[in-house]
All heavy atoms as atom14 arrays in JSON, in Angstrom:
{
  "sequence": "SAALPRPAAALLRMGAKSILSAPVVIAVANTGDLIRHGTDLF",
  "atom14_mask": [
    [1, 1, 1, 1, 1, 1, 0, 0, 0, 0, 0, 0, 0, 0],
    [1, 1, 1, 1, 1, 0, 0, 0, 0, 0, 0, 0, 0, 0],
    [1, 1, 1, 1, 1, 0, 0, 0, 0, 0, 0, 0, 0, 0],
    [1, 1, 1, 1, 1, 1, 1, 1, 0, 0, 0, 0, 0, 0],
    [1, 1, 1, 1, 1, 1, 1, 0, 0, 0, 0, 0, 0, 0],
    [1, 1, 1, 1, 1, 1, 1, 1, 1, 1, 1, 0, 0, 0],
    [1, 1, 1, 1, 1, 1, 1, 0, 0, 0, 0, 0, 0, 0],
    [1, 1, 1, 1, 1, 0, 0, 0, 0, 0, 0, 0, 0, 0],
    [1, 1, 1, 1, 1, 0, 0, 0, 0, 0, 0, 0, 0, 0],
    [1, 1, 1, 1, 1, 0, 0, 0, 0, 0, 0, 0, 0, 0],
    [1, 1, 1, 1, 1, 1, 1, 1, 0, 0, 0, 0, 0, 0],
    [1, 1, 1, 1, 1, 1, 1, 1, 0, 0, 0, 0, 0, 0],
    [1, 1, 1, 1, 1, 1, 1, 1, 1, 1, 1, 0, 0, 0],
    [1, 1, 1, 1, 1, 1, 1, 1, 0, 0, 0, 0, 0, 0],
    [1, 1, 1, 1, 0, 0, 0, 0, 0, 0, 0, 0, 0, 0],
    [1, 1, 1, 1, 1, 0, 0, 0, 0, 0, 0, 0, 0, 0],
    [1, 1, 1, 1, 1, 1, 1, 1, 1, 0, 0, 0, 0, 0],
    [1, 1, 1, 1, 1, 1, 0, 0, 0, 0, 0, 0, 0, 0],
    [1, 1, 1, 1, 1, 1, 1, 1, 0, 0, 0, 0, 0, 0],
    [1, 1, 1, 1, 1, 1, 1, 1, 0, 0, 0, 0, 0, 0],
    [1, 1, 1, 1, 1, 1, 0, 0, 0, 0, 0, 0, 0, 0],
    [1, 1, 1, 1, 1, 0, 0, 0, 0, 0, 0, 0, 0, 0],
    [1, 1, 1, 1, 1, 1, 1, 0, 0, 0, 0, 0, 0, 0],
    [1, 1, 1, 1, 1, 1, 1, 0, 0, 0, 0, 0, 0, 0],
    [1, 1, 1, 1, 1, 1, 1, 0, 0, 0, 0, 0, 0, 0],
    [1, 1, 1, 1, 1, 1, 1, 1, 0, 0, 0, 0, 0, 0],
    [1, 1, 1, 1, 1, 0, 0, 0, 0, 0, 0, 0, 0, 0],
    [1, 1, 1, 1, 1, 1, 1, 0, 0, 0, 0, 0, 0, 0],
    [1, 1, 1, 1, 1, 0, 0, 0, 0, 0, 0, 0, 0, 0],
    [1, 1, 1, 1, 1, 1, 1, 1, 0, 0, 0, 0, 0, 0],
    [1, 1, 1, 1, 1, 1, 1, 0, 0, 0, 0, 0, 0, 0],
    [1, 1, 1, 1, 0, 0, 0, 0, 0, 0, 0, 0, 0, 0],
    [1, 1, 1, 1, 1, 1, 1, 1, 0, 0, 0, 0, 0, 0],
    [1, 1, 1, 1, 1, 1, 1, 1, 0, 0, 0, 0, 0, 0],
    [1, 1, 1, 1, 1, 1, 1, 1, 0, 0, 0, 0, 0, 0],
    [1, 1, 1, 1, 1, 1, 1, 1, 1, 1, 1, 0, 0, 0],
    [1, 1, 1, 1, 1, 1, 1, 1, 1, 1, 0, 0, 0, 0],
    [1, 1, 1, 1, 0, 0, 0, 0, 0, 0, 0, 0, 0, 0],
    [1, 1, 1, 1, 1, 1, 1, 0, 0, 0, 0, 0, 0, 0],
    [1, 1, 1, 1, 1, 1, 1, 1, 0, 0, 0, 0, 0, 0],
    [1, 1, 1, 1, 1, 1, 1, 1, 0, 0, 0, 0, 0, 0],
    [1, 1, 1, 1, 1, 1, 1, 1, 1, 1, 1, 0, 0, 0]
  ],
  "atom14_positions": [
    [[107.58, 261.48, 205.61], [108.85, 261.81, 204.95], [109.35, 263.21, 205.32], [110.55, 263.48, 205.3], [108.69, 261.71, 203.42], [107.89, 262.77, 202.91], [0.0, 0.0, 0.0], [0.0, 0.0, 0.0], [0.0, 0.0, 0.0], [0.0, 0.0, 0.0], [0.0, 0.0, 0.0], [0.0, 0.0, 0.0], [0.0, 0.0, 0.0], [0.0, 0.0, 0.0]],
    [[108.42, 264.08, 205.69], [108.79, 265.47, 205.98], [109.72, 265.59, 207.18], [110.47, 266.56, 207.3], [107.53, 266.3, 206.22], [0.0, 0.0, 0.0], [0.0, 0.0, 0.0], [0.0, 0.0, 0.0], [0.0, 0.0, 0.0], [0.0, 0.0, 0.0], [0.0, 0.0, 0.0], [0.0, 0.0, 0.0], [0.0, 0.0, 0.0], [0.0, 0.0, 0.0]],
    [[109.71, 264.59, 208.07], [110.53, 264.66, 209.28], [111.91, 264.06, 209.1], [112.71, 264.08, 210.04], [109.8, 263.94, 210.42], [0.0, 0.0, 0.0], [0.0, 0.0, 0.0], [0.0, 0.0, 0.0], [0.0, 0.0, 0.0], [0.0, 0.0, 0.0], [0.0, 0.0, 0.0], [0.0, 0.0, 0.0], [0.0, 0.0, 0.0], [0.0, 0.0, 0.0]],
    [[112.21, 263.56, 207.92], [113.49, 262.86, 207.7], [114.42, 263.68, 206.82], [113.97, 264.57, 206.07], [113.21, 261.5, 207.06], [112.45, 260.51, 207.97], [112.07, 259.26, 207.18], [113.3, 260.13, 209.17], [0.0, 0.0, 0.0], [0.0, 0.0, 0.0], [0.0, 0.0, 0.0], [0.0, 0.0, 0.0], [0.0, 0.0, 0.0], [0.0, 0.0, 0.0]],
    [[115.71, 263.4, 206.88], [116.67, 264.11, 206.02], [116.33, 263.94, 204.55], [115.67, 262.99, 204.14], [118.01, 263.44, 206.36], [117.82, 262.85, 207.72], [116.37, 262.44, 207.78], [0.0, 0.0, 0.0], [0.0, 0.0, 0.0], [0.0, 0.0, 0.0], [0.0, 0.0, 0.0], [0.0, 0.0, 0.0], [0.0, 0.0, 0.0], [0.0, 0.0, 0.0]],
    [[116.83, 264.87, 203.74], [116.41, 264.95, 202.34], [116.57, 263.66, 201.54], [115.62, 263.26, 200.85], [117.18, 266.09, 201.64], [116.74, 266.31, 200.2], [117.47, 267.49, 199.59], [117.14, 268.72, 200.29], [117.7, 269.9, 200.01], [118.62, 269.98, 199.06], [117.36, 270.98, 200.67], [0.0, 0.0, 0.0], [0.0, 0.0, 0.0], [0.0, 0.0, 0.0]],
    [[117.71, 262.95, 201.6], [117.82, 261.72, 200.79], [116.75, 260.68, 201.14], [116.12, 260.1, 200.26], [119.23, 261.21, 201.09], [119.98, 262.41, 201.56], [118.97, 263.24, 202.31], [0.0, 0.0, 0.0], [0.0, 0.0, 0.0], [0.0, 0.0, 0.0], [0.0, 0.0, 0.0], [0.0, 0.0, 0.0], [0.0, 0.0, 0.0], [0.0, 0.0, 0.0]],
    [[116.55, 260.46, 202.44], [115.55, 259.48, 202.87], [114.15, 259.97, 202.52], [113.29, 259.19, 202.09], [115.66, 259.23, 204.37], [0.0, 0.0, 0.0], [0.0, 0.0, 0.0], [0.0, 0.0, 0.0], [0.0, 0.0, 0.0], [0.0, 0.0, 0.0], [0.0, 0.0, 0.0], [0.0, 0.0, 0.0], [0.0, 0.0, 0.0], [0.0, 0.0, 0.0]],
    [[113.9, 261.27, 202.69], [112.59, 261.83, 202.39], [112.26, 261.66, 200.91], [111.12, 261.33, 200.54], [112.54, 263.3, 202.79], [0.0, 0.0, 0.0], [0.0, 0.0, 0.0], [0.0, 0.0, 0.0], [0.0, 0.0, 0.0], [0.0, 0.0, 0.0], [0.0, 0.0, 0.0], [0.0, 0.0, 0.0], [0.0, 0.0, 0.0], [0.0, 0.0, 0.0]],
    [[113.25, 261.87, 200.06], [113.02, 261.73, 198.62], [112.66, 260.29, 198.26], [111.77, 260.04, 197.44], [114.25, 262.18, 197.84], [0.0, 0.0, 0.0], [0.0, 0.0, 0.0], [0.0, 0.0, 0.0], [0.0, 0.0, 0.0], [0.0, 0.0, 0.0], [0.0, 0.0, 0.0], [0.0, 0.0, 0.0], [0.0, 0.0, 0.0], [0.0, 0.0, 0.0]],
    [[113.34, 259.33, 198.87], [113.05, 257.92, 198.6], [111.68, 257.52, 199.12], [110.96, 256.74, 198.49], [114.13, 257.03, 199.21], [115.5, 257.08, 198.52], [116.53, 256.29, 199.32], [115.42, 256.54, 197.1], [0.0, 0.0, 0.0], [0.0, 0.0, 0.0], [0.0, 0.0, 0.0], [0.0, 0.0, 0.0], [0.0, 0.0, 0.0], [0.0, 0.0, 0.0]],
    [[111.29, 258.06, 200.27], [109.97, 257.77, 200.79], [108.88, 258.34, 199.89], [107.86, 257.68, 199.63], [109.82, 258.33, 202.21], [110.45, 257.49, 203.32], [110.45, 258.25, 204.63], [109.74, 256.16, 203.47], [0.0, 0.0, 0.0], [0.0, 0.0, 0.0], [0.0, 0.0, 0.0], [0.0, 0.0, 0.0], [0.0, 0.0, 0.0], [0.0, 0.0, 0.0]],
    [[109.08, 259.55, 199.39], [108.09, 260.14, 198.48], [108.0, 259.33, 197.19], [106.91, 259.15, 196.63], [108.42, 261.6, 198.21], [108.18, 262.53, 199.4], [108.2, 263.98, 198.99], [109.5, 264.4, 198.51], [110.47, 264.88, 199.3], [110.27, 265.02, 200.6], [111.63, 265.24, 198.78], [0.0, 0.0, 0.0], [0.0, 0.0, 0.0], [0.0, 0.0, 0.0]],
    [[109.14, 258.83, 196.72], [109.13, 257.98, 195.53], [108.34, 256.7, 195.82], [107.57, 256.22, 194.98], [110.57, 257.62, 195.13], [110.68, 256.85, 193.83], [112.4, 256.35, 193.48], [113.21, 257.96, 193.48], [0.0, 0.0, 0.0], [0.0, 0.0, 0.0], [0.0, 0.0, 0.0], [0.0, 0.0, 0.0], [0.0, 0.0, 0.0], [0.0, 0.0, 0.0]],
    [[108.53, 256.15, 197.03], [107.78, 254.96, 197.42], [106.29, 255.23, 197.47], [105.48, 254.4, 197.05], [0.0, 0.0, 0.0], [0.0, 0.0, 0.0], [0.0, 0.0, 0.0], [0.0, 0.0, 0.0], [0.0, 0.0, 0.0], [0.0, 0.0, 0.0], [0.0, 0.0, 0.0], [0.0, 0.0, 0.0], [0.0, 0.0, 0.0], [0.0, 0.0, 0.0]],
    [[105.9, 256.41, 197.98], [104.48, 256.77, 198.03], [103.88, 256.83, 196.64], [102.73, 256.41, 196.42], [104.32, 258.11, 198.75], [0.0, 0.0, 0.0], [0.0, 0.0, 0.0], [0.0, 0.0, 0.0], [0.0, 0.0, 0.0], [0.0, 0.0, 0.0], [0.0, 0.0, 0.0], [0.0, 0.0, 0.0], [0.0, 0.0, 0.0], [0.0, 0.0, 0.0]],
    [[104.64, 257.34, 195.68], [104.15, 257.4, 194.3], [103.94, 255.99, 193.73], [102.97, 255.75, 193.0], [105.13, 258.18, 193.43], [105.16, 259.67, 193.72], [106.17, 260.4, 192.84], [106.19, 261.89, 193.14], [107.22, 262.6, 192.33], [0.0, 0.0, 0.0], [0.0, 0.0, 0.0], [0.0, 0.0, 0.0], [0.0, 0.0, 0.0], [0.0, 0.0, 0.0]],
    [[104.83, 255.07, 194.07], [104.67, 253.69, 193.6], [103.43, 253.06, 194.22], [102.69, 252.33, 193.55], [105.91, 252.86, 193.96], [107.04, 253.31, 193.25], [0.0, 0.0, 0.0], [0.0, 0.0, 0.0], [0.0, 0.0, 0.0], [0.0, 0.0, 0.0], [0.0, 0.0, 0.0], [0.0, 0.0, 0.0], [0.0, 0.0, 0.0], [0.0, 0.0, 0.0]],
    [[103.19, 253.33, 195.5], [102.0, 252.81, 196.16], [100.74, 253.33, 195.47], [99.79, 252.57, 195.21], [102.02, 253.19, 197.66], [103.12, 252.43, 198.39], [100.66, 252.93, 198.31], [103.39, 252.92, 199.79], [0.0, 0.0, 0.0], [0.0, 0.0, 0.0], [0.0, 0.0, 0.0], [0.0, 0.0, 0.0], [0.0, 0.0, 0.0], [0.0, 0.0, 0.0]],
    [[100.72, 254.62, 195.16], [99.56, 255.21, 194.49], [99.37, 254.65, 193.09], [98.24, 254.42, 192.63], [99.7, 256.72, 194.42], [99.36, 257.5, 195.68], [99.7, 258.97, 195.49], [97.9, 257.33, 196.05], [0.0, 0.0, 0.0], [0.0, 0.0, 0.0], [0.0, 0.0, 0.0], [0.0, 0.0, 0.0], [0.0, 0.0, 0.0], [0.0, 0.0, 0.0]],
    [[100.47, 254.41, 192.39], [100.41, 253.95, 191.0], [99.91, 252.53, 190.89], [99.22, 252.18, 189.93], [101.8, 254.07, 190.36], [101.82, 253.53, 189.05], [0.0, 0.0, 0.0], [0.0, 0.0, 0.0], [0.0, 0.0, 0.0], [0.0, 0.0, 0.0], [0.0, 0.0, 0.0], [0.0, 0.0, 0.0], [0.0, 0.0, 0.0], [0.0, 0.0, 0.0]],
    [[100.24, 251.68, 191.87], [99.89, 250.25, 191.8], [98.43, 250.03, 192.17], [97.92, 250.67, 193.09], [100.78, 249.45, 192.73], [0.0, 0.0, 0.0], [0.0, 0.0, 0.0], [0.0, 0.0, 0.0], [0.0, 0.0, 0.0], [0.0, 0.0, 0.0], [0.0, 0.0, 0.0], [0.0, 0.0, 0.0], [0.0, 0.0, 0.0], [0.0, 0.0, 0.0]],
    [[97.74, 249.12, 191.5], [96.35, 248.82, 191.86], [96.2, 248.07, 193.17], [95.15, 248.11, 193.8], [95.85, 247.99, 190.68], [97.07, 247.41, 190.06], [98.15, 248.41, 190.27], [0.0, 0.0, 0.0], [0.0, 0.0, 0.0], [0.0, 0.0, 0.0], [0.0, 0.0, 0.0], [0.0, 0.0, 0.0], [0.0, 0.0, 0.0], [0.0, 0.0, 0.0]],
    [[97.25, 247.39, 193.6], [97.19, 246.63, 194.85], [98.57, 246.65, 195.5], [99.59, 246.72, 194.82], [96.71, 245.17, 194.61], [97.68, 244.42, 193.73], [96.51, 244.44, 195.92], [0.0, 0.0, 0.0], [0.0, 0.0, 0.0], [0.0, 0.0, 0.0], [0.0, 0.0, 0.0], [0.0, 0.0, 0.0], [0.0, 0.0, 0.0], [0.0, 0.0, 0.0]],
    [[98.56, 246.63, 196.83], [99.8, 246.6, 197.61], [99.7, 245.43, 198.58], [98.66, 245.23, 199.23], [100.01, 247.92, 198.37], [101.13, 247.78, 199.39], [100.31, 249.05, 197.41], [0.0, 0.0, 0.0], [0.0, 0.0, 0.0], [0.0, 0.0, 0.0], [0.0, 0.0, 0.0], [0.0, 0.0, 0.0], [0.0, 0.0, 0.0], [0.0, 0.0, 0.0]],
    [[100.77, 244.67, 198.68], [100.85, 243.6, 199.67], [101.92, 243.97, 200.7], [103.09, 244.16, 200.33], [101.18, 242.24, 199.03], [100.1, 241.84, 198.01], [101.31, 241.16, 200.11], [100.41, 240.58, 197.24], [0.0, 0.0, 0.0], [0.0, 0.0, 0.0], [0.0, 0.0, 0.0], [0.0, 0.0, 0.0], [0.0, 0.0, 0.0], [0.0, 0.0, 0.0]],
    [[101.51, 244.08, 201.95], [102.46, 244.33, 203.03], [102.74, 243.02, 203.75], [101.85, 242.16, 203.87], [101.91, 245.37, 204.01], [0.0, 0.0, 0.0], [0.0, 0.0, 0.0], [0.0, 0.0, 0.0], [0.0, 0.0, 0.0], [0.0, 0.0, 0.0], [0.0, 0.0, 0.0], [0.0, 0.0, 0.0], [0.0, 0.0, 0.0], [0.0, 0.0, 0.0]],
    [[103.96, 242.86, 204.2], [104.37, 241.66, 204.93], [104.93, 242.09, 206.27], [105.81, 242.94, 206.34], [105.44, 240.86, 204.15], [105.82, 239.59, 204.91], [104.94, 240.53, 202.75], [0.0, 0.0, 0.0], [0.0, 0.0, 0.0], [0.0, 0.0, 0.0], [0.0, 0.0, 0.0], [0.0, 0.0, 0.0], [0.0, 0.0, 0.0], [0.0, 0.0, 0.0]],
    [[104.38, 241.53, 207.34], [104.83, 241.87, 208.7], [105.13, 240.61, 209.47], [104.46, 239.59, 209.31], [103.75, 242.69, 209.42], [0.0, 0.0, 0.0], [0.0, 0.0, 0.0], [0.0, 0.0, 0.0], [0.0, 0.0, 0.0], [0.0, 0.0, 0.0], [0.0, 0.0, 0.0], [0.0, 0.0, 0.0], [0.0, 0.0, 0.0], [0.0, 0.0, 0.0]],
    [[106.15, 240.69, 210.32], [106.43, 239.59, 211.24], [105.42, 239.62, 212.39], [105.05, 240.69, 212.86], [107.83, 239.7, 211.82], [108.92, 239.51, 210.79], [109.87, 240.28, 210.76], [108.79, 238.52, 209.94], [0.0, 0.0, 0.0], [0.0, 0.0, 0.0], [0.0, 0.0, 0.0], [0.0, 0.0, 0.0], [0.0, 0.0, 0.0], [0.0, 0.0, 0.0]],
    [[105.01, 238.45, 212.86], [104.04, 238.39, 213.95], [104.69, 238.39, 215.32], [104.03, 238.7, 216.32], [103.18, 237.12, 213.83], [104.04, 235.97, 214.0], [102.47, 237.05, 212.49], [0.0, 0.0, 0.0], [0.0, 0.0, 0.0], [0.0, 0.0, 0.0], [0.0, 0.0, 0.0], [0.0, 0.0, 0.0], [0.0, 0.0, 0.0], [0.0, 0.0, 0.0]],
    [[105.96, 237.99, 215.38], [106.62, 237.87, 216.68], [106.37, 236.54, 217.36], [106.89, 236.28, 218.45], [0.0, 0.0, 0.0], [0.0, 0.0, 0.0], [0.0, 0.0, 0.0], [0.0, 0.0, 0.0], [0.0, 0.0, 0.0], [0.0, 0.0, 0.0], [0.0, 0.0, 0.0], [0.0, 0.0, 0.0], [0.0, 0.0, 0.0], [0.0, 0.0, 0.0]],
    [[105.59, 235.66, 216.72], [105.26, 234.37, 217.35], [106.51, 233.53, 217.62], [106.64, 232.91, 218.68], [104.29, 233.57, 216.46], [102.92, 234.2, 216.39], [102.59, 235.03, 217.28], [102.16, 233.86, 215.47], [0.0, 0.0, 0.0], [0.0, 0.0, 0.0], [0.0, 0.0, 0.0], [0.0, 0.0, 0.0], [0.0, 0.0, 0.0], [0.0, 0.0, 0.0]],
    [[107.41, 233.49, 216.66], [108.62, 232.69, 216.82], [109.47, 233.24, 217.95], [110.06, 232.47, 218.72], [109.41, 232.67, 215.51], [110.7, 231.85, 215.52], [110.44, 230.4, 215.86], [111.4, 231.95, 214.16], [0.0, 0.0, 0.0], [0.0, 0.0, 0.0], [0.0, 0.0, 0.0], [0.0, 0.0, 0.0], [0.0, 0.0, 0.0], [0.0, 0.0, 0.0]],
    [[109.54, 234.57, 218.06], [110.32, 235.16, 219.14], [109.75, 234.76, 220.49], [110.48, 234.34, 221.4], [110.34, 236.7, 219.01], [111.06, 237.12, 217.72], [111.01, 237.35, 220.22], [110.98, 238.6, 217.41], [0.0, 0.0, 0.0], [0.0, 0.0, 0.0], [0.0, 0.0, 0.0], [0.0, 0.0, 0.0], [0.0, 0.0, 0.0], [0.0, 0.0, 0.0]],
    [[108.43, 234.85, 220.62], [107.8, 234.52, 221.9], [107.96, 233.05, 222.25], [108.31, 232.7, 223.38], [106.31, 234.88, 221.85], [106.05, 236.39, 221.93], [104.58, 236.68, 222.05], [103.87, 236.38, 220.81], [103.75, 237.25, 219.79], [104.3, 238.44, 219.88], [103.08, 236.93, 218.71], [0.0, 0.0, 0.0], [0.0, 0.0, 0.0], [0.0, 0.0, 0.0]],
    [[107.74, 232.16, 221.29], [107.84, 230.73, 221.57], [109.29, 230.3, 221.75], [109.6, 229.49, 222.62], [107.21, 229.92, 220.44], [105.74, 230.17, 220.29], [105.04, 229.94, 219.11], [104.82, 230.64, 221.16], [103.78, 230.26, 219.29], [103.61, 230.68, 220.51], [0.0, 0.0, 0.0], [0.0, 0.0, 0.0], [0.0, 0.0, 0.0], [0.0, 0.0, 0.0]],
    [[110.16, 230.85, 220.92], [111.55, 230.42, 220.94], [112.28, 230.81, 222.2], [113.08, 230.02, 222.74], [0.0, 0.0, 0.0], [0.0, 0.0, 0.0], [0.0, 0.0, 0.0], [0.0, 0.0, 0.0], [0.0, 0.0, 0.0], [0.0, 0.0, 0.0], [0.0, 0.0, 0.0], [0.0, 0.0, 0.0], [0.0, 0.0, 0.0], [0.0, 0.0, 0.0]],
    [[112.01, 232.0, 222.71], [112.72, 232.43, 223.92], [112.33, 231.6, 225.12], [113.1, 231.47, 226.08], [112.46, 233.93, 224.2], [111.04, 234.17, 224.16], [113.14, 234.81, 223.18], [0.0, 0.0, 0.0], [0.0, 0.0, 0.0], [0.0, 0.0, 0.0], [0.0, 0.0, 0.0], [0.0, 0.0, 0.0], [0.0, 0.0, 0.0], [0.0, 0.0, 0.0]],
    [[111.14, 231.02, 225.09], [110.74, 230.11, 226.17], [111.34, 228.71, 225.95], [111.65, 228.0, 226.9], [109.22, 230.0, 226.24], [108.58, 231.3, 226.72], [109.26, 232.07, 227.42], [107.41, 231.55, 226.36], [0.0, 0.0, 0.0], [0.0, 0.0, 0.0], [0.0, 0.0, 0.0], [0.0, 0.0, 0.0], [0.0, 0.0, 0.0], [0.0, 0.0, 0.0]],
    [[111.48, 228.31, 224.68], [111.95, 226.98, 224.35], [113.44, 226.82, 224.6], [113.9, 225.81, 225.16], [111.63, 226.67, 222.89], [112.08, 225.32, 222.34], [111.34, 224.19, 223.03], [111.85, 225.25, 220.82], [0.0, 0.0, 0.0], [0.0, 0.0, 0.0], [0.0, 0.0, 0.0], [0.0, 0.0, 0.0], [0.0, 0.0, 0.0], [0.0, 0.0, 0.0]],
    [[114.23, 227.82, 224.22], [115.68, 227.73, 224.33], [116.11, 228.22, 225.72], [115.8, 229.33, 226.12], [116.36, 228.59, 223.25], [116.57, 227.88, 221.95], [115.53, 227.17, 221.36], [117.79, 227.91, 221.31], [115.71, 226.5, 220.16], [117.97, 227.24, 220.11], [116.94, 226.54, 219.54], [0.0, 0.0, 0.0], [0.0, 0.0, 0.0], [0.0, 0.0, 0.0]]
  ]
}
């Protein structure tokens, strides 16, 4: 957050506090599988 402008940095720090406060965090990431298969298919 330190490298970003103040409004974005403040929101990131708020997000970090939520991460610390919660007992568990679930992250969701795209695998890219559809992109790889689809570009060959179409």
